Protein backbone atom coordinates (compact mmCIF):
# COMPACT_ATOMS: atom_id res chain seq x y z
CA MET A 1 62.61 251.55 33.65
CA PRO A 2 61.20 252.24 36.70
CA LEU A 3 64.64 254.50 37.52
CA ILE A 4 63.90 256.44 34.71
CA PHE A 5 59.87 256.46 36.17
CA ARG A 6 61.35 258.28 39.15
CA PHE A 7 64.04 260.35 37.57
CA PHE A 8 61.62 262.29 35.19
CA SER A 9 58.83 262.04 38.07
CA LEU A 10 61.35 265.09 39.46
CA TRP A 11 60.83 267.13 36.59
CA PRO A 12 59.15 270.32 37.08
CA LEU A 13 55.78 269.84 35.04
CA TRP A 14 56.65 273.04 32.52
CA LEU A 15 60.06 271.33 31.39
CA LEU A 16 57.81 268.07 31.49
CA HIS A 17 55.05 269.37 29.05
CA GLY A 18 58.04 270.83 26.87
CA LEU A 19 59.56 267.46 26.11
CA GLY A 20 56.17 266.25 25.81
CA ALA A 21 55.53 268.69 22.54
CA LEU A 22 58.16 267.73 21.29
CA LEU A 23 57.45 264.19 21.51
CA GLY A 24 53.52 264.49 20.32
CA TRP A 25 54.89 266.53 17.01
CA ALA A 26 57.49 263.64 16.50
CA ALA A 27 55.13 260.71 16.41
CA PHE A 28 52.78 263.24 13.89
CA VAL A 29 55.62 263.59 11.65
CA LEU A 30 56.97 260.14 11.57
CA SER A 31 54.05 257.97 12.14
CA ALA A 32 51.58 258.07 8.31
CA THR A 33 48.89 255.74 10.28
CA TYR A 34 48.63 258.06 13.88
CA ARG A 35 48.68 261.36 11.42
CA ARG A 36 45.78 259.68 9.18
CA ARG A 37 43.64 258.90 12.34
CA PHE A 38 44.04 262.25 13.82
CA LEU A 39 42.97 263.99 10.86
CA ALA A 40 40.40 261.98 10.10
CA ASN A 41 39.09 261.66 13.33
CA ALA A 42 38.62 265.77 13.73
CA GLN A 43 37.51 266.43 10.20
CA LEU A 44 34.43 263.79 10.97
CA ALA A 45 33.71 266.01 14.34
CA GLY A 46 33.92 269.33 12.18
CA TYR A 47 37.36 270.39 12.77
CA GLY A 48 40.20 271.60 10.58
CA PHE A 49 43.99 271.03 11.40
CA ALA A 50 44.34 274.61 12.20
CA GLN A 51 41.85 274.31 14.97
CA VAL A 52 43.14 271.39 16.76
CA ARG A 53 46.74 271.81 15.77
CA ALA A 54 47.41 271.92 19.53
CA ALA A 55 46.22 268.76 20.16
CA VAL A 56 49.46 267.52 18.70
CA ALA A 57 51.67 268.73 21.45
CA HIS A 58 49.18 267.56 24.16
CA ALA A 59 49.33 264.32 23.08
CA GLY A 60 52.62 264.41 23.62
CA ARG A 61 52.04 266.20 27.03
CA MET A 62 49.89 263.45 28.18
CA VAL A 63 52.71 260.73 27.97
CA ALA A 64 55.65 263.08 29.57
CA GLU A 65 53.70 264.34 32.50
CA LEU A 66 53.22 260.72 33.45
CA PRO A 67 56.19 260.12 35.97
CA ARG A 68 55.69 263.12 37.93
CA LEU A 69 51.72 262.12 37.90
CA TRP A 70 52.10 258.60 38.92
CA LEU A 71 55.51 259.21 41.14
CA GLY A 72 56.16 262.60 42.09
CA ALA A 73 54.38 265.85 43.97
CA LEU A 74 51.01 266.12 42.72
CA PRO A 75 51.11 270.04 40.54
CA ALA A 76 48.36 272.11 41.53
CA CYS A 77 44.86 271.56 40.73
CA ARG A 78 42.06 274.52 40.38
CA LEU A 79 38.31 272.88 41.01
CA GLU A 80 35.37 274.62 39.30
CA ASN A 81 31.67 274.02 39.79
CA ALA A 82 32.18 271.82 42.71
CA GLU A 83 29.73 272.52 43.99
CA CYS A 84 27.62 270.22 41.70
CA VAL A 85 29.42 267.54 43.40
CA GLU A 86 28.60 268.79 46.68
CA ARG A 87 25.15 268.23 46.00
CA ALA A 88 25.18 264.59 45.31
CA TRP A 89 27.48 263.84 48.22
CA ALA A 90 24.54 265.79 50.28
CA ALA A 91 21.64 263.81 48.57
CA GLY A 92 23.12 260.81 50.00
CA ARG A 93 24.09 259.56 46.74
CA GLY A 94 27.21 257.67 45.18
CA ILE A 95 28.87 259.80 42.46
CA VAL A 96 30.08 258.45 38.89
CA PHE A 97 32.64 260.65 37.42
CA LEU A 98 33.24 260.19 33.61
CA THR A 99 35.88 261.89 31.10
CA PRO A 100 36.90 261.22 27.65
CA HIS A 101 40.72 261.03 26.62
CA LEU A 102 40.71 265.02 27.03
CA GLY A 103 43.52 266.93 28.72
CA CYS A 104 45.30 265.26 32.04
CA PHE A 105 42.65 262.52 32.75
CA GLU A 106 45.07 260.97 35.04
CA MET A 107 44.96 264.34 37.59
CA SER A 108 40.86 264.45 37.38
CA VAL A 109 40.40 261.62 39.94
CA GLN A 110 43.64 262.35 41.78
CA ALA A 111 42.61 265.64 42.48
CA ALA A 112 38.96 264.72 43.10
CA ALA A 113 40.10 262.20 45.66
CA GLN A 114 42.42 264.98 47.18
CA ARG A 115 39.08 266.92 47.56
CA TRP A 116 36.40 264.47 48.97
CA SER A 117 38.13 261.13 49.79
CA ALA A 118 38.56 262.07 53.11
CA ALA A 119 34.81 262.93 53.93
CA HIS A 120 33.49 260.53 51.32
CA GLY A 121 35.99 257.45 50.92
CA PRO A 122 38.40 256.70 47.86
CA ILE A 123 37.24 256.80 44.56
CA THR A 124 37.43 253.37 42.93
CA ILE A 125 38.59 253.37 39.03
CA LEU A 126 39.16 250.40 36.70
CA TYR A 127 42.69 249.53 35.41
CA ARG A 128 43.71 247.11 33.05
CA PRO A 129 47.35 245.57 34.05
CA ALA A 130 49.80 246.20 31.84
CA ARG A 131 51.99 243.17 30.32
CA GLN A 132 55.76 244.06 30.90
CA ARG A 133 56.27 243.62 34.87
CA TRP A 134 58.20 246.79 34.98
CA LEU A 135 55.23 248.88 34.21
CA ALA A 136 53.24 246.46 35.72
CA GLU A 137 54.60 247.44 38.95
CA VAL A 138 55.05 251.09 38.21
CA MET A 139 51.06 251.21 37.39
CA ARG A 140 50.48 249.25 40.98
CA THR A 141 52.02 252.04 43.10
CA ALA A 142 50.44 254.77 40.68
CA ARG A 143 46.63 253.66 40.34
CA ASN A 144 46.71 253.57 44.52
CA ARG A 145 47.58 257.24 45.00
CA PRO A 146 46.33 258.39 48.64
CA GLY A 147 42.41 258.46 48.10
CA VAL A 148 42.34 256.41 44.90
CA GLN A 149 41.52 252.73 44.89
CA ALA A 150 42.33 250.97 41.39
CA VAL A 151 39.97 247.43 40.57
CA PRO A 152 40.80 244.88 38.06
CA THR A 153 38.97 245.11 34.62
CA GLU A 154 37.09 242.15 35.15
CA LEU A 155 33.80 240.97 36.84
CA GLN A 156 35.05 241.30 40.36
CA GLY A 157 36.53 244.65 39.79
CA VAL A 158 33.07 246.01 38.26
CA ARG A 159 31.52 244.57 41.72
CA GLN A 160 33.71 246.65 43.63
CA MET A 161 32.02 249.50 41.90
CA ILE A 162 29.19 248.30 42.23
CA LYS A 163 29.31 247.90 46.04
CA ALA A 164 31.20 251.80 46.45
CA LEU A 165 28.38 253.49 44.72
CA ARG A 166 25.95 251.54 46.75
CA ARG A 167 28.04 253.04 49.90
CA GLY A 168 27.56 256.43 48.86
CA GLN A 169 31.04 256.42 47.36
CA ALA A 170 32.22 257.43 44.19
CA VAL A 171 34.01 255.42 40.93
CA GLY A 172 35.65 257.04 37.66
CA LEU A 173 35.80 255.85 34.05
CA LEU A 174 36.51 257.11 30.45
CA PRO A 175 33.39 256.32 28.72
CA ASP A 176 34.94 256.80 25.33
CA GLN A 177 37.25 254.00 25.57
CA VAL A 178 36.88 250.69 23.43
CA PRO A 179 35.77 247.73 25.37
CA PRO A 180 36.11 244.18 24.84
CA GLU A 181 33.63 242.26 22.17
CA GLY A 182 30.19 241.84 24.50
CA GLN A 183 30.88 244.69 26.56
CA GLY A 184 29.83 247.38 24.63
CA LEU A 185 26.61 248.59 22.36
CA TRP A 186 27.50 250.25 19.06
CA ALA A 187 26.64 254.03 19.37
CA PRO A 188 27.16 257.40 17.48
CA PHE A 189 30.00 259.21 18.26
CA PHE A 190 30.72 262.67 15.89
CA GLY A 191 27.82 261.09 13.30
CA ARG A 192 29.75 257.78 13.22
CA PRO A 193 28.96 254.30 14.55
CA ALA A 194 31.76 253.75 17.71
CA TYR A 195 31.44 250.73 19.90
CA THR A 196 31.00 252.19 23.15
CA MET A 197 31.12 250.26 26.70
CA THR A 198 27.90 250.07 28.20
CA LEU A 199 29.46 250.08 32.04
CA ALA A 200 28.97 253.67 32.79
CA ALA A 201 25.22 253.69 32.13
CA ARG A 202 24.99 250.46 33.50
CA LEU A 203 26.27 251.61 36.95
CA ALA A 204 24.36 254.81 36.94
CA GLN A 205 21.17 253.07 36.49
CA GLN A 206 21.63 250.63 39.11
CA THR A 207 22.64 252.33 41.65
CA GLY A 208 21.01 255.66 41.10
CA ALA A 209 24.49 257.42 41.49
CA ALA A 210 24.32 261.24 40.05
CA VAL A 211 26.31 261.43 37.00
CA VAL A 212 29.27 264.00 36.82
CA LEU A 213 31.15 265.05 33.56
CA ALA A 214 34.86 266.06 34.24
CA ARG A 215 37.31 267.69 32.11
CA CYS A 216 40.82 268.39 33.37
CA THR A 217 42.77 271.05 31.11
CA ARG A 218 46.44 271.71 31.48
CA GLU A 219 47.27 275.65 32.54
CA PRO A 220 49.79 277.42 29.89
CA TRP A 221 53.60 277.22 30.71
CA GLY A 222 52.97 273.91 33.16
CA ARG A 223 51.36 276.53 35.84
CA GLY A 224 49.02 273.47 36.79
CA TYR A 225 45.64 271.83 35.81
CA THR A 226 42.24 272.74 35.91
CA LEU A 227 39.15 270.16 36.66
CA HIS A 228 36.21 271.53 34.98
CA LEU A 229 32.84 269.29 36.65
CA GLU A 230 29.36 269.38 35.31
CA PRO A 231 26.47 267.76 36.16
CA LEU A 232 24.89 265.64 33.30
CA ALA A 233 21.88 268.03 31.96
CA GLN A 234 19.35 265.13 31.75
CA PRO A 235 18.22 261.84 33.62
CA LEU A 236 20.01 258.65 31.81
CA PRO A 237 16.84 257.43 29.96
CA GLN A 238 16.07 253.44 31.04
CA ALA A 239 16.49 251.99 27.91
CA LEU A 240 20.12 250.85 27.43
CA ASP A 241 21.11 252.01 23.85
CA ALA A 242 19.50 255.41 24.50
CA ALA A 243 21.62 255.65 28.00
CA VAL A 244 24.48 254.71 26.38
CA ALA A 245 23.90 257.25 23.21
CA ARG A 246 22.98 259.87 25.53
CA LEU A 247 26.78 259.32 27.12
CA ASN A 248 28.68 259.93 23.64
CA ALA A 249 26.75 263.11 23.31
CA ALA A 250 28.15 264.46 26.85
CA MET A 251 30.89 263.25 26.17
CA GLU A 252 31.09 264.87 22.16
CA GLY A 253 30.17 268.41 24.64
CA LEU A 254 33.02 268.06 26.72
CA ILE A 255 35.51 267.50 24.01
CA ARG A 256 33.91 270.64 21.90
CA GLN A 257 34.71 273.02 25.16
CA ALA A 258 38.76 271.96 24.44
CA PRO A 259 39.30 270.34 21.13
CA GLN A 260 42.72 271.25 21.40
CA GLN A 261 43.21 269.16 24.03
CA TYR A 262 41.61 266.31 23.03
CA LEU A 263 43.02 262.44 21.81
CA TRP A 264 42.02 262.79 18.30
CA GLY A 265 45.16 260.12 17.35
CA TYR A 266 42.70 258.17 19.98
CA ALA A 267 41.03 254.75 17.31
CA ARG A 268 37.92 255.35 19.04
CA TYR A 269 36.46 253.62 15.88
CA LYS A 270 37.75 250.42 15.76
CA GLN A 271 36.89 247.15 16.26
CA PRO A 272 36.65 245.51 19.67
CA ARG A 273 38.81 242.66 20.56
CA SER A 274 37.54 239.75 21.55
CA LEU A 275 38.14 238.11 25.33
CA PRO A 276 39.99 234.90 25.78
CA GLN A 277 37.33 232.26 26.95
CA ALA A 278 38.53 232.32 30.12
CA GLU A 279 38.50 235.82 30.87
CA GLY A 280 34.70 236.12 28.77
CA ALA A 281 33.41 233.53 31.18
CA ALA A 282 34.91 235.57 34.78
């Protein structure tokens, strides 16, 4: 399987995106469960299918572009409003980059690392190792690209993120990812309670780091990506539940800027999984 990944990593981006579009529509047509969740989530946010139908193809592109992003030469990515990041660095603050399951979130951290890691150190991200041995090997290679430090989703990894922020470095998170039971709070997301991680808010509150919102969108015809950056509009409240709700609202705002590239089929409202006893005690 790694050989297949390496084969596809050599493909041009436009061809991978074309293949991905076909995969996205195949999944939408063949999986009634996925289709119902996609339509229900979009409707909850106030969108009809005609408004977000492009997201069907983008979900497939997200999968097809992974070999290129993980193992191949990185495609071009233009940065917009990089000044907000420069201001945070100039103030001597660490940075918490937050992006939802929107566009090419895999590219967002790599583009930021290309721009800033040489001067400010690697960007630390959390990842959950895959159960399949072949995929775990690919992910170990992919997640530790130049300028990116991947740490496991456990207490040790969180500690490494805190240390990085206190050194004035950056971390990256997807705050709309459903955390395990005991690691989140129920907070509104497009008007419906969703189990939401507290980690993003706690990292910013405990270290004084700046929160920068990121969305990396695909350009048409495989011409690359654009990473849009913006500061959090208001400081996070001290109360954790209010801070988590504010970050959910910020994610909603990013999604509404490019709803055609959001992963509407993601099971955002699922019940959190229970941690094994040993993992929960870590």
